[in-house]
PDB file of N, CA and C in Angstrom:
ATOM      1  N   MET A   1     -11.349  22.758 -46.209  1.00  0.00           N
ATOM      2  CA  MET A   1     -10.170  22.538 -45.397  1.00  0.00           C
ATOM      3  C   MET A   1     -10.236  23.366 -44.107  1.00  0.00           C
ATOM      4  N   ARG A   2     -10.707  24.573 -44.216  1.00  0.00           N
ATOM      5  CA  ARG A   2     -10.805  25.435 -43.043  1.00  0.00           C
ATOM      6  C   ARG A   2     -11.805  24.870 -42.029  1.00  0.00           C
ATOM      7  N   ALA A   3     -12.921  24.333 -42.509  1.00  0.00           N
ATOM      8  CA  ALA A   3     -13.919  23.737 -41.626  1.00  0.00           C
ATOM      9  C   ALA A   3     -13.344  22.505 -40.925  1.00  0.00           C
ATOM     10  N   PHE A   4     -12.557  21.731 -41.643  1.00  0.00           N
ATOM     11  CA  PHE A   4     -11.933  20.545 -41.061  1.00  0.00           C
ATOM     12  C   PHE A   4     -10.985  20.938 -39.921  1.00  0.00           C
ATOM     13  N   LYS A   5     -10.214  21.996 -40.126  1.00  0.00           N
ATOM     14  CA  LYS A   5      -9.300  22.463 -39.085  1.00  0.00           C
ATOM     15  C   LYS A   5     -10.057  22.939 -37.853  1.00  0.00           C
ATOM     16  N   ARG A   6     -11.193  23.596 -38.067  1.00  0.00           N
ATOM     17  CA  ARG A   6     -12.005  24.056 -36.943  1.00  0.00           C
ATOM     18  C   ARG A   6     -12.564  22.873 -36.151  1.00  0.00           C
ATOM     19  N   VAL A   7     -13.079  21.877 -36.868  1.00  0.00           N
ATOM     20  CA  VAL A   7     -13.620  20.692 -36.192  1.00  0.00           C
ATOM     21  C   VAL A   7     -12.521  19.986 -35.415  1.00  0.00           C
ATOM     22  N   LEU A   8     -11.362  19.866 -36.017  1.00  0.00           N
ATOM     23  CA  LEU A   8     -10.232  19.224 -35.350  1.00  0.00           C
ATOM     24  C   LEU A   8      -9.809  20.007 -34.110  1.00  0.00           C
ATOM     25  N   THR A   9      -9.774  21.313 -34.199  1.00  0.00           N
ATOM     26  CA  THR A   9      -9.397  22.155 -33.071  1.00  0.00           C
ATOM     27  C   THR A   9     -10.411  22.050 -31.936  1.00  0.00           C
ATOM     28  N   VAL A  10     -11.696  22.114 -32.263  1.00  0.00           N
ATOM     29  CA  VAL A  10     -12.742  22.005 -31.241  1.00  0.00           C
ATOM     30  C   VAL A  10     -12.689  20.631 -30.584  1.00  0.00           C
ATOM     31  N   ALA A  11     -12.490  19.595 -31.358  1.00  0.00           N
ATOM     32  CA  ALA A  11     -12.397  18.240 -30.793  1.00  0.00           C
ATOM     33  C   ALA A  11     -11.191  18.118 -29.868  1.00  0.00           C
ATOM     34  N   ALA A  12     -10.072  18.691 -30.274  1.00  0.00           N
ATOM     35  CA  ALA A  12      -8.864  18.615 -29.453  1.00  0.00           C
ATOM     36  C   ALA A  12      -9.031  19.376 -28.137  1.00  0.00           C
ATOM     37  N   LEU A  13      -9.786  20.456 -28.153  1.00  0.00           N
ATOM     38  CA  LEU A  13      -9.985  21.243 -26.940  1.00  0.00           C
ATOM     39  C   LEU A  13     -11.066  20.668 -26.027  1.00  0.00           C
ATOM     40  N   THR A  14     -12.075  20.020 -26.587  1.00  0.00           N
ATOM     41  CA  THR A  14     -13.165  19.500 -25.757  1.00  0.00           C
ATOM     42  C   THR A  14     -12.926  18.079 -25.265  1.00  0.00           C
ATOM     43  N   ALA A  15     -12.100  17.312 -25.937  1.00  0.00           N
ATOM     44  CA  ALA A  15     -11.867  15.918 -25.518  1.00  0.00           C
ATOM     45  C   ALA A  15     -11.331  15.832 -24.092  1.00  0.00           C
ATOM     46  N   PRO A  16     -10.317  16.615 -23.724  1.00  0.00           N
ATOM     47  CA  PRO A  16      -9.852  16.535 -22.329  1.00  0.00           C
ATOM     48  C   PRO A  16     -10.926  16.954 -21.321  1.00  0.00           C
ATOM     49  N   LEU A  17     -11.746  17.920 -21.666  1.00  0.00           N
ATOM     50  CA  LEU A  17     -12.812  18.357 -20.780  1.00  0.00           C
ATOM     51  C   LEU A  17     -13.824  17.242 -20.563  1.00  0.00           C
ATOM     52  N   VAL A  18     -14.216  16.570 -21.626  1.00  0.00           N
ATOM     53  CA  VAL A  18     -15.180  15.469 -21.516  1.00  0.00           C
ATOM     54  C   VAL A  18     -14.591  14.330 -20.700  1.00  0.00           C
ATOM     55  N   MET A  19     -13.338  13.974 -20.965  1.00  0.00           N
ATOM     56  CA  MET A  19     -12.694  12.894 -20.213  1.00  0.00           C
ATOM     57  C   MET A  19     -12.519  13.284 -18.747  1.00  0.00           C
ATOM     58  N   GLY A  20     -12.192  14.539 -18.476  1.00  0.00           N
ATOM     59  CA  GLY A  20     -12.026  14.996 -17.104  1.00  0.00           C
ATOM     60  C   GLY A  20     -13.325  14.935 -16.325  1.00  0.00           C
ATOM     61  N   CYS A  21     -14.422  15.319 -16.947  1.00  0.00           N
ATOM     62  CA  CYS A  21     -15.722  15.254 -16.272  1.00  0.00           C
ATOM     63  C   CYS A  21     -16.129  13.815 -16.010  1.00  0.00           C
ATOM     64  N   ALA A  22     -15.842  12.923 -16.943  1.00  0.00           N
ATOM     65  CA  ALA A  22     -16.153  11.513 -16.727  1.00  0.00           C
ATOM     66  C   ALA A  22     -15.315  10.961 -15.581  1.00  0.00           C
ATOM     67  N   GLY A  23     -14.058  11.348 -15.521  1.00  0.00           N
ATOM     68  CA  GLY A  23     -13.196  10.902 -14.419  1.00  0.00           C
ATOM     69  C   GLY A  23     -13.650  11.451 -13.092  1.00  0.00           C
ATOM     70  N   LEU A  24     -14.101  12.684 -13.073  1.00  0.00           N
ATOM     71  CA  LEU A  24     -14.590  13.297 -11.843  1.00  0.00           C
ATOM     72  C   LEU A  24     -15.842  12.588 -11.349  1.00  0.00           C
ATOM     73  N   ALA A  25     -16.745  12.241 -12.268  1.00  0.00           N
ATOM     74  CA  ALA A  25     -17.965  11.542 -11.883  1.00  0.00           C
ATOM     75  C   ALA A  25     -17.650  10.167 -11.313  1.00  0.00           C
ATOM     76  N   SER A  26     -16.709   9.459 -11.903  1.00  0.00           N
ATOM     77  CA  SER A  26     -16.380   8.135 -11.386  1.00  0.00           C
ATOM     78  C   SER A  26     -15.597   8.226 -10.081  1.00  0.00           C
ATOM     79  N   ALA A  27     -14.892   9.317  -9.840  1.00  0.00           N
ATOM     80  CA  ALA A  27     -14.104   9.463  -8.626  1.00  0.00           C
ATOM     81  C   ALA A  27     -14.985   9.650  -7.393  1.00  0.00           C
ATOM     82  N   GLN A  28     -16.215  10.088  -7.565  1.00  0.00           N
ATOM     83  CA  GLN A  28     -17.104  10.294  -6.439  1.00  0.00           C
ATOM     84  C   GLN A  28     -17.407   8.989  -5.716  1.00  0.00           C
ATOM     85  N   GLU A  29     -17.366   7.863  -6.429  1.00  0.00           N
ATOM     86  CA  GLU A  29     -17.674   6.577  -5.822  1.00  0.00           C
ATOM     87  C   GLU A  29     -16.553   6.110  -4.900  1.00  0.00           C
ATOM     88  N   GLY A  30     -15.319   6.337  -5.278  1.00  0.00           N
ATOM     89  CA  GLY A  30     -14.198   5.872  -4.482  1.00  0.00           C
ATOM     90  C   GLY A  30     -13.073   6.884  -4.496  1.00  0.00           C
ATOM     91  N   LEU A  31     -13.244   7.973  -3.792  1.00  0.00           N
ATOM     92  CA  LEU A  31     -12.253   9.036  -3.742  1.00  0.00           C
ATOM     93  C   LEU A  31     -10.915   8.489  -3.296  1.00  0.00           C
ATOM     94  N   SER A  32      -9.868   8.839  -4.034  1.00  0.00           N
ATOM     95  CA  SER A  32      -8.531   8.403  -3.669  1.00  0.00           C
ATOM     96  C   SER A  32      -7.529   9.373  -4.262  1.00  0.00           C
ATOM     97  N   ALA A  33      -6.608   9.838  -3.450  1.00  0.00           N
ATOM     98  CA  ALA A  33      -5.544  10.719  -3.920  1.00  0.00           C
ATOM     99  C   ALA A  33      -4.271  10.355  -3.163  1.00  0.00           C
ATOM    100  N   ASP A  34      -3.187  10.217  -3.895  1.00  0.00           N
ATOM    101  CA  ASP A  34      -1.917   9.827  -3.291  1.00  0.00           C
ATOM    102  C   ASP A  34      -0.788  10.706  -3.810  1.00  0.00           C
ATOM    103  N   TYR A  35       0.209  10.924  -2.970  1.00  0.00           N
ATOM    104  CA  TYR A  35       1.403  11.658  -3.369  1.00  0.00           C
ATOM    105  C   TYR A  35       2.598  10.993  -2.702  1.00  0.00           C
ATOM    106  N   GLY A  36       3.650  10.841  -3.437  1.00  0.00           N
ATOM    107  CA  GLY A  36       4.858  10.265  -2.874  1.00  0.00           C
ATOM    108  C   GLY A  36       6.099  10.851  -3.528  1.00  0.00           C
ATOM    109  N   LYS A  37       7.138  11.029  -2.743  1.00  0.00           N
ATOM    110  CA  LYS A  37       8.400  11.526  -3.256  1.00  0.00           C
ATOM    111  C   LYS A  37       9.504  10.873  -2.450  1.00  0.00           C
ATOM    112  N   GLY A  38      10.544  10.422  -3.120  1.00  0.00           N
ATOM    113  CA  GLY A  38      11.627   9.761  -2.429  1.00  0.00           C
ATOM    114  C   GLY A  38      12.960  10.070  -3.073  1.00  0.00           C
ATOM    115  N   ALA A  39      14.024   9.833  -2.321  1.00  0.00           N
ATOM    116  CA  ALA A  39      15.376  10.054  -2.835  1.00  0.00           C
ATOM    117  C   ALA A  39      16.336   9.152  -2.078  1.00  0.00           C
ATOM    118  N   PHE A  40      17.435   8.819  -2.722  1.00  0.00           N
ATOM    119  CA  PHE A  40      18.479   8.060  -2.054  1.00  0.00           C
ATOM    120  C   PHE A  40      19.826   8.511  -2.587  1.00  0.00           C
ATOM    121  N   VAL A  41      20.849   8.275  -1.786  1.00  0.00           N
ATOM    122  CA  VAL A  41      22.207   8.625  -2.193  1.00  0.00           C
ATOM    123  C   VAL A  41      23.159   7.592  -1.599  1.00  0.00           C
ATOM    124  N   ALA A  42      24.170   7.276  -2.353  1.00  0.00           N
ATOM    125  CA  ALA A  42      25.241   6.399  -1.875  1.00  0.00           C
ATOM    126  C   ALA A  42      26.529   6.897  -2.521  1.00  0.00           C
ATOM    127  N   ASN A  43      27.464   7.367  -1.690  1.00  0.00           N
ATOM    128  CA  ASN A  43      28.732   7.864  -2.214  1.00  0.00           C
ATOM    129  C   ASN A  43      29.827   7.670  -1.173  1.00  0.00           C
ATOM    130  N   GLN A  44      30.965   8.291  -1.366  1.00  0.00           N
ATOM    131  CA  GLN A  44      32.088   8.120  -0.464  1.00  0.00           C
ATOM    132  C   GLN A  44      31.829   8.682   0.937  1.00  0.00           C
ATOM    133  N   ASN A  45      30.831   9.539   1.093  1.00  0.00           N
ATOM    134  CA  ASN A  45      30.516  10.128   2.394  1.00  0.00           C
ATOM    135  C   ASN A  45      29.538   9.304   3.214  1.00  0.00           C
ATOM    136  N   GLY A  46      28.793   8.401   2.578  1.00  0.00           N
ATOM    137  CA  GLY A  46      27.810   7.591   3.285  1.00  0.00           C
ATOM    138  C   GLY A  46      26.666   7.207   2.368  1.00  0.00           C
ATOM    139  N   ALA A  47      25.598   6.730   2.966  1.00  0.00           N
ATOM    140  CA  ALA A  47      24.415   6.320   2.202  1.00  0.00           C
ATOM    141  C   ALA A  47      23.167   6.716   2.964  1.00  0.00           C
ATOM    142  N   GLY A  48      22.151   7.101   2.232  1.00  0.00           N
ATOM    143  CA  GLY A  48      20.911   7.501   2.881  1.00  0.00           C
ATOM    144  C   GLY A  48      19.711   7.379   1.973  1.00  0.00           C
ATOM    145  N   VAL A  49      18.557   7.362   2.589  1.00  0.00           N
ATOM    146  CA  VAL A  49      17.293   7.296   1.869  1.00  0.00           C
ATOM    147  C   VAL A  49      16.279   8.146   2.636  1.00  0.00           C
ATOM    148  N   GLY A  50      15.349   8.746   1.909  1.00  0.00           N
ATOM    149  CA  GLY A  50      14.293   9.541   2.518  1.00  0.00           C
ATOM    150  C   GLY A  50      13.044   9.504   1.665  1.00  0.00           C
ATOM    151  N   ALA A  51      11.890   9.686   2.273  1.00  0.00           N
ATOM    152  CA  ALA A  51      10.634   9.660   1.522  1.00  0.00           C
ATOM    153  C   ALA A  51       9.575  10.499   2.224  1.00  0.00           C
ATOM    154  N   LEU A  52       8.612  10.923   1.429  1.00  0.00           N
ATOM    155  CA  LEU A  52       7.451  11.674   1.890  1.00  0.00           C
ATOM    156  C   LEU A  52       6.248  11.063   1.202  1.00  0.00           C
ATOM    157  N   GLU A  53       5.205  10.719   1.954  1.00  0.00           N
ATOM    158  CA  GLU A  53       4.012  10.104   1.389  1.00  0.00           C
ATOM    159  C   GLU A  53       2.770  10.683   2.047  1.00  0.00           C
ATOM    160  N   SER A  54       1.747  10.964   1.229  1.00  0.00           N
ATOM    161  CA  SER A  54       0.452  11.411   1.729  1.00  0.00           C
ATOM    162  C   SER A  54      -0.635  10.694   0.952  1.00  0.00           C
ATOM    163  N   SER A  55      -1.759  10.417   1.599  1.00  0.00           N
ATOM    164  CA  SER A  55      -2.865   9.773   0.896  1.00  0.00           C
ATOM    165  C   SER A  55      -4.197  10.183   1.507  1.00  0.00           C
ATOM    166  N   VAL A  56      -5.210  10.187   0.653  1.00  0.00           N
ATOM    167  CA  VAL A  56      -6.591  10.441   1.055  1.00  0.00           C
ATOM    168  C   VAL A  56      -7.428   9.349   0.409  1.00  0.00           C
ATOM    169  N   SER A  57      -8.289   8.699   1.185  1.00  0.00           N
ATOM    170  CA  SER A  57      -9.142   7.637   0.655  1.00  0.00           C
ATOM    171  C   SER A  57     -10.478   7.676   1.387  1.00  0.00           C
ATOM    172  N   PRO A  58     -11.438   6.861   0.976  1.00  0.00           N
ATOM    173  CA  PRO A  58     -12.720   6.831   1.688  1.00  0.00           C
ATOM    174  C   PRO A  58     -12.568   6.408   3.155  1.00  0.00           C
ATOM    175  N   ASP A  59     -11.470   5.742   3.488  1.00  0.00           N
ATOM    176  CA  ASP A  59     -11.259   5.275   4.856  1.00  0.00           C
ATOM    177  C   ASP A  59     -10.569   6.292   5.748  1.00  0.00           C
ATOM    178  N   GLY A  60      -9.911   7.306   5.169  1.00  0.00           N
ATOM    179  CA  GLY A  60      -9.237   8.300   5.992  1.00  0.00           C
ATOM    180  C   GLY A  60      -8.098   8.989   5.259  1.00  0.00           C
ATOM    181  N   ILE A  61      -7.259   9.675   6.030  1.00  0.00           N
ATOM    182  CA  ILE A  61      -6.111  10.396   5.484  1.00  0.00           C
ATOM    183  C   ILE A  61      -4.851   9.961   6.239  1.00  0.00           C
ATOM    184  N   ALA A  62      -3.705  10.066   5.575  1.00  0.00           N
ATOM    185  CA  ALA A  62      -2.449   9.671   6.212  1.00  0.00           C
ATOM    186  C   ALA A  62      -1.299  10.490   5.626  1.00  0.00           C
ATOM    187  N   HIS A  63      -0.285  10.703   6.448  1.00  0.00           N
ATOM    188  CA  HIS A  63       0.923  11.408   6.014  1.00  0.00           C
ATOM    189  C   HIS A  63       2.110  10.817   6.767  1.00  0.00           C
ATOM    190  N   ALA A  64       3.219  10.617   6.057  1.00  0.00           N
ATOM    191  CA  ALA A  64       4.427  10.106   6.696  1.00  0.00           C
ATOM    192  C   ALA A  64       5.647  10.631   5.957  1.00  0.00           C
ATOM    193  N   GLU A  65       6.706  10.870   6.711  1.00  0.00           N
ATOM    194  CA  GLU A  65       7.980  11.236   6.111  1.00  0.00           C
ATOM    195  C   GLU A  65       9.095  10.678   6.980  1.00  0.00           C
ATOM    196  N   PHE A  66      10.195  10.283   6.327  1.00  0.00           N
ATOM    197  CA  PHE A  66      11.306   9.704   7.069  1.00  0.00           C
ATOM    198  C   PHE A  66      12.609   9.897   6.311  1.00  0.00           C
ATOM    199  N   PHE A  67      13.717   9.718   7.044  1.00  0.00           N
ATOM    200  CA  PHE A  67      15.024   9.613   6.412  1.00  0.00           C
ATOM    201  C   PHE A  67      15.899   8.695   7.260  1.00  0.00           C
ATOM    202  N   ILE A  68      16.833   8.046   6.596  1.00  0.00           N
ATOM    203  CA  ILE A  68      17.827   7.197   7.249  1.00  0.00           C
ATOM    204  C   ILE A  68      19.174   7.513   6.604  1.00  0.00           C
ATOM    205  N   TRP A  69      20.183   7.734   7.423  1.00  0.00           N
ATOM    206  CA  TRP A  69      21.520   8.072   6.923  1.00  0.00           C
ATOM    207  C   TRP A  69      22.555   7.220   7.648  1.00  0.00           C
ATOM    208  N   ALA A  70      23.485   6.671   6.914  1.00  0.00           N
ATOM    209  CA  ALA A  70      24.566   5.874   7.501  1.00  0.00           C
ATOM    210  C   ALA A  70      25.893   6.373   6.951  1.00  0.00           C
ATOM    211  N   ASP A  71      26.843   6.595   7.864  1.00  0.00           N
ATOM    212  CA  ASP A  71      28.182   7.011   7.453  1.00  0.00           C
ATOM    213  C   ASP A  71      29.192   6.445   8.452  1.00  0.00           C
ATOM    214  N   GLU A  72      30.386   6.963   8.449  1.00  0.00           N
ATOM    215  CA  GLU A  72      31.442   6.445   9.320  1.00  0.00           C
ATOM    216  C   GLU A  72      31.143   6.648  10.800  1.00  0.00           C
ATOM    217  N   ASN A  73      30.222   7.550  11.120  1.00  0.00           N
ATOM    218  CA  ASN A  73      29.859   7.822  12.514  1.00  0.00           C
ATOM    219  C   ASN A  73      28.727   6.936  13.025  1.00  0.00           C
ATOM    220  N   GLY A  74      28.081   6.203  12.143  1.00  0.00           N
ATOM    221  CA  GLY A  74      26.972   5.338  12.545  1.00  0.00           C
ATOM    222  C   GLY A  74      25.749   5.540  11.670  1.00  0.00           C
ATOM    223  N   VAL A  75      24.610   5.188  12.214  1.00  0.00           N
ATOM    224  CA  VAL A  75      23.336   5.273  11.500  1.00  0.00           C
ATOM    225  C   VAL A  75      22.420   6.220  12.253  1.00  0.00           C
ATOM    226  N   SER A  76      21.736   7.096  11.524  1.00  0.00           N
ATOM    227  CA  SER A  76      20.775   8.005  12.146  1.00  0.00           C
ATOM    228  C   SER A  76      19.542   8.087  11.258  1.00  0.00           C
ATOM    229  N   GLY A  77      18.454   8.574  11.827  1.00  0.00           N
ATOM    230  CA  GLY A  77      17.229   8.692  11.049  1.00  0.00           C
ATOM    231  C   GLY A  77      16.148   9.399  11.825  1.00  0.00           C
ATOM    232  N   SER A  78      15.026   9.573  11.161  1.00  0.00           N
ATOM    233  CA  SER A  78      13.885  10.248  11.755  1.00  0.00           C
ATOM    234  C   SER A  78      12.623   9.786  11.053  1.00  0.00           C
ATOM    235  N   PHE A  79      11.499   9.775  11.773  1.00  0.00           N
ATOM    236  CA  PHE A  79      10.206   9.412  11.209  1.00  0.00           C
ATOM    237  C   PHE A  79       9.126  10.293  11.813  1.00  0.00           C
ATOM    238  N   VAL A  80       8.209  10.773  10.994  1.00  0.00           N
ATOM    239  CA  VAL A  80       7.044  11.535  11.431  1.00  0.00           C
ATOM    240  C   VAL A  80       5.848  10.978  10.677  1.00  0.00           C
ATOM    241  N   GLY A  81       4.777  10.672  11.377  1.00  0.00           N
ATOM    242  CA  GLY A  81       3.574  10.156  10.738  1.00  0.00           C
ATOM    243  C   GLY A  81       2.327  10.664  11.425  1.00  0.00           C
ATOM    244  N   SER A  82       1.261  10.812  10.667  1.00  0.00           N
ATOM    245  CA  SER A  82      -0.018  11.216  11.231  1.00  0.00           C
ATOM    246  C   SER A  82      -1.129  10.693  10.333  1.00  0.00           C
ATOM    247  N   GLY A  83      -2.330  10.638  10.870  1.00  0.00           N
ATOM    248  CA  GLY A  83      -3.449  10.170  10.076  1.00  0.00           C
ATOM    249  C   GLY A  83      -4.752  10.230  10.844  1.00  0.00           C
ATOM    250  N   ALA A  84      -5.812  10.016  10.136  1.00  0.00           N
ATOM    251  CA  ALA A  84      -7.144   9.972  10.730  1.00  0.00           C
ATOM    252  C   ALA A  84      -7.986   9.025   9.892  1.00  0.00           C
ATOM    253  N   SER A  85      -8.855   8.288  10.538  1.00  0.00           N
ATOM    254  CA  SER A  85      -9.746   7.380   9.806  1.00  0.00           C
ATOM    255  C   SER A  85     -11.157   7.565  10.325  1.00  0.00           C
ATOM    256  N   TRP A  86     -12.119   7.132   9.541  1.00  0.00           N
ATOM    257  CA  TRP A  86     -13.510   7.257   9.939  1.00  0.00           C
ATOM    258  C   TRP A  86     -14.295   6.087   9.380  1.00  0.00           C
ATOM    259  N   ASN A  87     -15.434   5.846   9.970  1.00  0.00           N
ATOM    260  CA  ASN A  87     -16.302   4.762   9.571  1.00  0.00           C
ATOM    261  C   ASN A  87     -17.328   5.314   8.583  1.00  0.00           C
ATOM    262  N   ASN A  88     -17.441   4.698   7.419  1.00  0.00           N
ATOM    263  CA  ASN A  88     -18.353   5.177   6.383  1.00  0.00           C
ATOM    264  C   ASN A  88     -19.647   4.374   6.312  1.00  0.00           C
ATOM    265  N   ASP A  89     -20.186   3.957   7.437  1.00  0.00           N
ATOM    266  CA  ASP A  89     -21.440   3.177   7.419  1.00  0.00           C
ATOM    267  C   ASP A  89     -22.607   4.049   7.119  1.00  0.00           C
TER     268      ASP A  89
END
């Protein structure tokens, strides 16, 4: 029983490592990483939405963030974006 617990423990600890290395090896072919976060609100004071997005891919990098707010005074908002691309020939 003790040997079985040891084998189970070692398998549980090494499985994520093996899967992570396999994922890392496959990621070299098509690197891609993305992040996004967003929020919205609608209440008696007004309504608004905002988001933040970033990405990295074999074609380049990009970042954008924005918000839009509407209330009794009108509509307002803001946008910021940047990026870079390259040719992978």
